[in-house]
Amino acid sequence: MFDKNTKKLVRVPAASTLDSSQDLPSWVYAKPEPMAHAATPQVSADNPADLLTRSEVARYLRVSDRTVSRLIRKGQLPASRIGRAVRIRQSDLLEMLNGQSSISASLGACRE
């Protein structure tokens, strides 16, 4: 449809589009509250990015999934079960690695 005065194309809204703000709930139009600590990112202990799967841990350690399962079963690596999935916190993995002593002294007695 063209506007008679300016000869420009004018879009006419379809009948199915929303004409007023009364059709949507008020929370849709609410403005978000400003963050109190916007300069410092908040890292919570329950950050989902901190959770790793068994295969991700295995790739990180360069071992098999069965080895990771064995470490979890022995209690050497803390893990949580969420439904049927097993998740390991990255911080727990790093603590386990930092807590283990070096095995280079015992490797001297091994024969290849």
C-alpha atoms as a PDB file:
ATOM      1  CA  MET A   1       0.000   0.000   0.000  1.00  0.00           C
ATOM      2  CA  PHE A   2       1.334   3.467  -0.917  1.00  0.00           C
ATOM      3  CA  ASP A   3       0.963   6.673   1.050  1.00  0.00           C
ATOM      4  CA  LYS A   4      -0.817   9.202  -1.193  1.00  0.00           C
ATOM      5  CA  ASN A   5       1.239  12.214  -0.043  1.00  0.00           C
ATOM      6  CA  THR A   6       4.793  10.810  -0.185  1.00  0.00           C
ATOM      7  CA  LYS A   7       4.426   7.920  -2.628  1.00  0.00           C
ATOM      8  CA  LYS A   8       6.269   5.657  -0.189  1.00  0.00           C
ATOM      9  CA  LEU A   9       5.490   2.084   0.546  1.00  0.00           C
ATOM     10  CA  VAL A  10       3.687   1.836   3.886  1.00  0.00           C
ATOM     11  CA  ARG A  11       3.523  -1.469   5.717  1.00  0.00           C
ATOM     12  CA  VAL A  12       0.181  -2.335   7.143  1.00  0.00           C
ATOM     13  CA  PRO A  13       0.401  -4.750  10.084  1.00  0.00           C
ATOM     14  CA  ALA A  14      -1.266  -8.084   9.608  1.00  0.00           C
ATOM     15  CA  ALA A  15      -4.312  -8.919  11.666  1.00  0.00           C
ATOM     16  CA  SER A  16      -2.393 -11.576  13.610  1.00  0.00           C
ATOM     17  CA  THR A  17       0.268  -9.169  14.916  1.00  0.00           C
ATOM     18  CA  LEU A  18      -0.045  -7.650  18.369  1.00  0.00           C
ATOM     19  CA  ASP A  19      -1.496  -4.144  18.311  1.00  0.00           C
ATOM     20  CA  SER A  20      -1.344  -3.285  21.982  1.00  0.00           C
ATOM     21  CA  SER A  21       0.769  -4.083  24.989  1.00  0.00           C
ATOM     22  CA  GLN A  22      -2.274  -5.506  26.734  1.00  0.00           C
ATOM     23  CA  ASP A  23      -1.913  -8.762  24.818  1.00  0.00           C
ATOM     24  CA  LEU A  24       1.395  -9.618  26.532  1.00  0.00           C
ATOM     25  CA  PRO A  25       2.094  -9.893  30.257  1.00  0.00           C
ATOM     26  CA  SER A  26       3.688  -6.893  31.937  1.00  0.00           C
ATOM     27  CA  TRP A  27       6.940  -8.714  32.769  1.00  0.00           C
ATOM     28  CA  VAL A  28       7.756  -8.767  29.057  1.00  0.00           C
ATOM     29  CA  TYR A  29       8.090  -4.996  29.076  1.00  0.00           C
ATOM     30  CA  ALA A  30       9.886  -4.724  32.410  1.00  0.00           C
ATOM     31  CA  LYS A  31      13.427  -3.372  32.216  1.00  0.00           C
ATOM     32  CA  PRO A  32      16.161  -5.508  33.787  1.00  0.00           C
ATOM     33  CA  GLU A  33      17.582  -4.284  37.057  1.00  0.00           C
ATOM     34  CA  PRO A  34      21.155  -3.015  36.882  1.00  0.00           C
ATOM     35  CA  MET A  35      23.767  -5.341  38.340  1.00  0.00           C
ATOM     36  CA  ALA A  36      25.266  -4.163  41.606  1.00  0.00           C
ATOM     37  CA  HIS A  37      28.730  -5.561  40.838  1.00  0.00           C
ATOM     38  CA  ALA A  38      28.903  -5.291  37.081  1.00  0.00           C
ATOM     39  CA  ALA A  39      32.667  -4.670  37.088  1.00  0.00           C
ATOM     40  CA  THR A  40      33.518  -7.941  38.838  1.00  0.00           C
ATOM     41  CA  PRO A  41      32.174 -11.145  37.319  1.00  0.00           C
ATOM     42  CA  GLN A  42      30.550 -13.449  39.822  1.00  0.00           C
ATOM     43  CA  VAL A  43      31.840 -17.015  39.747  1.00  0.00           C
ATOM     44  CA  SER A  44      29.747 -19.329  41.843  1.00  0.00           C
ATOM     45  CA  ALA A  45      30.790 -22.707  43.133  1.00  0.00           C
ATOM     46  CA  ASP A  46      27.916 -24.247  41.184  1.00  0.00           C
ATOM     47  CA  ASN A  47      29.001 -22.882  37.822  1.00  0.00           C
ATOM     48  CA  PRO A  48      27.810 -25.309  35.121  1.00  0.00           C
ATOM     49  CA  ALA A  49      30.929 -24.605  33.066  1.00  0.00           C
ATOM     50  CA  ASP A  50      32.944 -26.055  35.945  1.00  0.00           C
ATOM     51  CA  LEU A  51      31.291 -29.484  35.519  1.00  0.00           C
ATOM     52  CA  LEU A  52      33.050 -32.001  33.291  1.00  0.00           C
ATOM     53  CA  THR A  53      31.923 -35.342  31.927  1.00  0.00           C
ATOM     54  CA  ARG A  54      33.912 -38.547  32.324  1.00  0.00           C
ATOM     55  CA  SER A  55      35.055 -38.403  28.703  1.00  0.00           C
ATOM     56  CA  GLU A  56      36.189 -34.768  29.061  1.00  0.00           C
ATOM     57  CA  VAL A  57      38.229 -35.702  32.124  1.00  0.00           C
ATOM     58  CA  ALA A  58      39.656 -38.709  30.278  1.00  0.00           C
ATOM     59  CA  ARG A  59      40.692 -36.503  27.346  1.00  0.00           C
ATOM     60  CA  TYR A  60      42.264 -33.986  29.739  1.00  0.00           C
ATOM     61  CA  LEU A  61      44.227 -36.689  31.554  1.00  0.00           C
ATOM     62  CA  ARG A  62      44.873 -38.626  28.314  1.00  0.00           C
ATOM     63  CA  VAL A  63      43.557 -41.853  29.787  1.00  0.00           C
ATOM     64  CA  SER A  64      40.547 -44.046  29.034  1.00  0.00           C
ATOM     65  CA  ASP A  65      37.020 -43.559  30.366  1.00  0.00           C
ATOM     66  CA  ARG A  66      37.429 -46.767  32.360  1.00  0.00           C
ATOM     67  CA  THR A  67      40.426 -45.296  34.190  1.00  0.00           C
ATOM     68  CA  VAL A  68      38.382 -42.240  35.168  1.00  0.00           C
ATOM     69  CA  SER A  69      35.564 -44.522  36.347  1.00  0.00           C
ATOM     70  CA  ARG A  70      38.086 -46.503  38.387  1.00  0.00           C
ATOM     71  CA  LEU A  71      39.408 -43.306  40.022  1.00  0.00           C
ATOM     72  CA  ILE A  72      35.843 -42.293  40.913  1.00  0.00           C
ATOM     73  CA  ARG A  73      34.994 -45.744  42.284  1.00  0.00           C
ATOM     74  CA  LYS A  74      38.149 -45.788  44.458  1.00  0.00           C
ATOM     75  CA  GLY A  75      37.258 -42.363  45.833  1.00  0.00           C
ATOM     76  CA  GLN A  76      40.389 -40.689  44.466  1.00  0.00           C
ATOM     77  CA  LEU A  77      38.348 -38.384  42.221  1.00  0.00           C
ATOM     78  CA  PRO A  78      35.174 -36.816  43.693  1.00  0.00           C
ATOM     79  CA  ALA A  79      32.184 -36.957  41.366  1.00  0.00           C
ATOM     80  CA  SER A  80      28.446 -36.275  41.449  1.00  0.00           C
ATOM     81  CA  ARG A  81      25.690 -38.263  39.840  1.00  0.00           C
ATOM     82  CA  ILE A  82      22.961 -36.221  38.160  1.00  0.00           C
ATOM     83  CA  GLY A  83      20.360 -38.719  37.066  1.00  0.00           C
ATOM     84  CA  ARG A  84      22.372 -41.308  35.171  1.00  0.00           C
ATOM     85  CA  ALA A  85      25.120 -38.856  34.228  1.00  0.00           C
ATOM     86  CA  VAL A  86      28.342 -38.506  36.186  1.00  0.00           C
ATOM     87  CA  ARG A  87      29.864 -35.042  36.508  1.00  0.00           C
ATOM     88  CA  ILE A  88      33.232 -34.018  37.932  1.00  0.00           C
ATOM     89  CA  ARG A  89      34.051 -30.498  39.078  1.00  0.00           C
ATOM     90  CA  GLN A  90      37.086 -29.034  37.374  1.00  0.00           C
ATOM     91  CA  SER A  91      38.314 -27.715  40.721  1.00  0.00           C
ATOM     92  CA  ASP A  92      38.120 -31.245  42.220  1.00  0.00           C
ATOM     93  CA  LEU A  93      40.118 -32.621  39.300  1.00  0.00           C
ATOM     94  CA  LEU A  94      42.834 -29.993  39.731  1.00  0.00           C
ATOM     95  CA  GLU A  95      42.937 -30.596  43.499  1.00  0.00           C
ATOM     96  CA  MET A  96      43.381 -34.310  42.878  1.00  0.00           C
ATOM     97  CA  LEU A  97      46.223 -33.658  40.451  1.00  0.00           C
ATOM     98  CA  ASN A  98      47.939 -31.192  42.781  1.00  0.00           C
ATOM     99  CA  GLY A  99      47.584 -33.523  45.761  1.00  0.00           C
ATOM    100  CA  GLN A 100      49.209 -36.535  44.110  1.00  0.00           C
ATOM    101  CA  SER A 101      52.898 -37.041  44.708  1.00  0.00           C
ATOM    102  CA  SER A 102      55.243 -37.547  41.825  1.00  0.00           C
ATOM    103  CA  ILE A 103      55.816 -41.167  40.821  1.00  0.00           C
ATOM    104  CA  SER A 104      59.140 -40.557  39.096  1.00  0.00           C
ATOM    105  CA  ALA A 105      61.070 -42.070  42.034  1.00  0.00           C
ATOM    106  CA  SER A 106      59.199 -45.361  41.767  1.00  0.00           C
ATOM    107  CA  LEU A 107      59.597 -45.456  37.980  1.00  0.00           C
ATOM    108  CA  GLY A 108      63.343 -45.957  38.390  1.00  0.00           C
ATOM    109  CA  ALA A 109      62.730 -49.502  39.624  1.00  0.00           C
ATOM    110  CA  CYS A 110      60.495 -50.371  36.653  1.00  0.00           C
ATOM    111  CA  ARG A 111      61.783 -52.140  33.587  1.00  0.00           C
ATOM    112  CA  GLU A 112      60.404 -51.402  30.173  1.00  0.00           C
END
